Amino acid sequence: MKKVLIIDDAAFMRMSIKMMLEKNGFEVVGEAEDGIEGVKKYKKLKPDIVTMDITMPTMTGLEALINIKEFDPQAKIVMVSAMGQENMVREAIMQGANTFIVKPFKEEHIVEILNKILAI
C-alpha cells in the first residue's frame, strides 16, 4: 500500500484528501498542519509521497519542500495550491516538487496524479 503524508493547515482539506486517498487504496501515515511539523513527520515516517499546501503559517510549503528535499532528494512531493499562486507553484517546481494540483480538485484527479508520480 502506498504511504502518504498530508501537509495542510486546513483540517477540512486534510480530512478531504485523506478520505479521497484511503478510498482509493492509499494509506495515510500522517498529517501535519504546518511545514515544521510536516518536515519532522516526513523524516520520521518516510512516506512514499507527500501532498503539501503552499500557503501555511510558521513554515510555508515552499520552505518545507526545500527542507524535505535536502533530507531526501528522491522525495516525491505534490504541491496543492489555490488559484492565483502561479509564481509560488513555479518556484516549487524549480525547487523539486514533482507537480501541483489546483484547489478545488476532483477525487479522480488527485488519485491519478499521485499514481502517476509513484510510477516514476
Protein backbone atom coordinates (compact mmCIF):
# COMPACT_ATOMS: atom_id res chain seq x y z
CA MET A 1 0.00 0.00 0.00
CA LYS A 2 1.30 3.45 -0.93
CA LYS A 3 2.06 5.60 2.12
CA VAL A 4 1.05 9.28 2.02
CA LEU A 5 1.78 12.25 4.29
CA ILE A 6 -0.70 15.14 4.04
CA ILE A 7 0.59 18.60 5.00
CA ASP A 8 -2.04 21.34 5.04
CA ASP A 9 -3.01 23.95 7.63
CA ALA A 10 -6.73 23.44 6.93
CA ALA A 11 -8.14 20.49 8.88
CA PHE A 12 -11.03 20.20 6.42
CA MET A 13 -8.61 19.87 3.47
CA ARG A 14 -6.53 17.23 5.28
CA MET A 15 -9.70 15.27 6.06
CA SER A 16 -10.97 15.58 2.46
CA ILE A 17 -7.68 14.43 0.92
CA LYS A 18 -7.39 11.59 3.45
CA MET A 19 -10.89 10.29 2.66
CA MET A 20 -10.30 10.50 -1.10
CA LEU A 21 -6.98 8.67 -0.92
CA GLU A 22 -7.96 5.96 1.56
CA LYS A 23 -10.99 5.16 -0.58
CA ASN A 24 -8.59 4.56 -3.47
CA GLY A 25 -6.07 2.25 -1.82
CA PHE A 26 -3.60 4.69 -0.27
CA GLU A 27 -2.52 4.57 3.36
CA VAL A 28 -2.35 8.00 5.02
CA VAL A 29 0.50 7.50 7.50
CA GLY A 30 0.46 11.03 8.86
CA GLU A 31 -0.92 14.55 8.76
CA ALA A 32 0.70 17.88 9.61
CA GLU A 33 -0.80 21.35 9.94
CA ASP A 34 2.32 23.35 9.09
CA GLY A 35 5.66 22.99 7.36
CA ILE A 36 7.71 22.48 10.53
CA GLU A 37 5.53 19.59 11.67
CA GLY A 38 5.46 18.28 8.09
CA VAL A 39 9.26 18.12 7.81
CA LYS A 40 9.51 16.33 11.19
CA LYS A 41 6.85 13.81 10.19
CA TYR A 42 8.47 13.23 6.80
CA LYS A 43 11.78 12.35 8.47
CA LYS A 44 10.07 10.06 10.97
CA LEU A 45 7.51 8.35 8.70
CA LYS A 46 9.36 8.31 5.34
CA PRO A 47 6.18 8.22 3.22
CA ASP A 48 6.15 7.25 -0.46
CA ILE A 49 4.59 10.59 -1.43
CA VAL A 50 3.55 13.90 0.14
CA THR A 51 0.69 16.28 -0.64
CA MET A 52 1.57 19.76 0.59
CA ASP A 53 -0.27 23.04 0.71
CA ILE A 54 1.82 26.01 -0.44
CA THR A 55 0.39 28.66 1.91
CA MET A 56 0.76 27.74 5.58
CA PRO A 57 1.72 29.58 8.78
CA THR A 58 5.05 29.11 10.60
CA MET A 59 6.81 27.46 7.64
CA THR A 60 5.38 27.67 4.12
CA GLY A 61 5.00 24.68 1.86
CA LEU A 62 7.85 26.01 -0.26
CA GLU A 63 10.20 26.16 2.74
CA ALA A 64 9.10 22.69 3.85
CA LEU A 65 9.66 21.36 0.31
CA ILE A 66 13.24 22.67 0.35
CA ASN A 67 13.87 21.11 3.79
CA ILE A 68 12.45 17.73 2.78
CA LYS A 69 14.41 17.70 -0.50
CA GLU A 70 17.64 18.46 1.41
CA PHE A 71 16.91 15.50 3.69
CA ASP A 72 15.75 13.21 0.85
CA PRO A 73 16.48 14.34 -2.73
CA GLN A 74 14.26 11.47 -4.00
CA ALA A 75 11.19 12.67 -2.08
CA LYS A 76 8.01 12.72 -4.16
CA ILE A 77 6.01 15.85 -3.39
CA VAL A 78 2.80 17.14 -4.94
CA MET A 79 2.05 20.77 -4.12
CA VAL A 80 -1.57 21.76 -3.58
CA SER A 81 -2.39 25.38 -4.34
CA ALA A 82 -5.29 27.73 -4.70
CA MET A 83 -5.85 29.69 -7.90
CA GLY A 84 -3.59 32.70 -8.31
CA GLN A 85 -0.45 31.17 -6.80
CA GLU A 86 1.29 30.56 -10.12
CA ASN A 87 4.58 32.18 -9.06
CA MET A 88 4.81 30.05 -5.94
CA VAL A 89 3.92 26.93 -7.90
CA ARG A 90 6.63 27.71 -10.46
CA GLU A 91 9.14 28.20 -7.64
CA ALA A 92 8.07 24.90 -6.03
CA ILE A 93 8.63 23.02 -9.30
CA MET A 94 12.08 24.64 -9.62
CA GLN A 95 12.86 23.53 -6.05
CA GLY A 96 11.99 19.91 -6.82
CA ALA A 97 8.23 19.41 -6.43
CA ASN A 98 7.02 16.70 -8.83
CA THR A 99 3.85 18.54 -9.82
CA PHE A 100 0.95 20.52 -8.42
CA ILE A 101 -2.80 20.29 -8.05
CA VAL A 102 -5.04 23.37 -8.03
CA LYS A 103 -7.82 23.60 -5.42
CA PRO A 104 -10.61 22.73 -5.69
CA PHE A 105 -9.88 19.37 -7.31
CA LYS A 106 -11.79 16.21 -8.10
CA GLU A 107 -11.05 12.89 -6.39
CA GLU A 108 -10.17 11.16 -9.69
CA HIS A 109 -7.66 13.90 -10.47
CA ILE A 110 -5.66 13.66 -7.21
CA VAL A 111 -5.66 9.84 -7.35
CA GLU A 112 -4.49 9.86 -10.98
CA ILE A 113 -1.71 12.41 -10.25
CA LEU A 114 -0.40 10.52 -7.19
CA ASN A 115 -0.42 7.19 -9.02
CA LYS A 116 1.42 8.77 -11.94
CA ILE A 117 4.14 10.23 -9.69
CA LEU A 118 4.53 6.99 -7.76
CA ALA A 119 5.04 5.08 -11.02
CA ILE A 120 8.11 7.21 -11.90
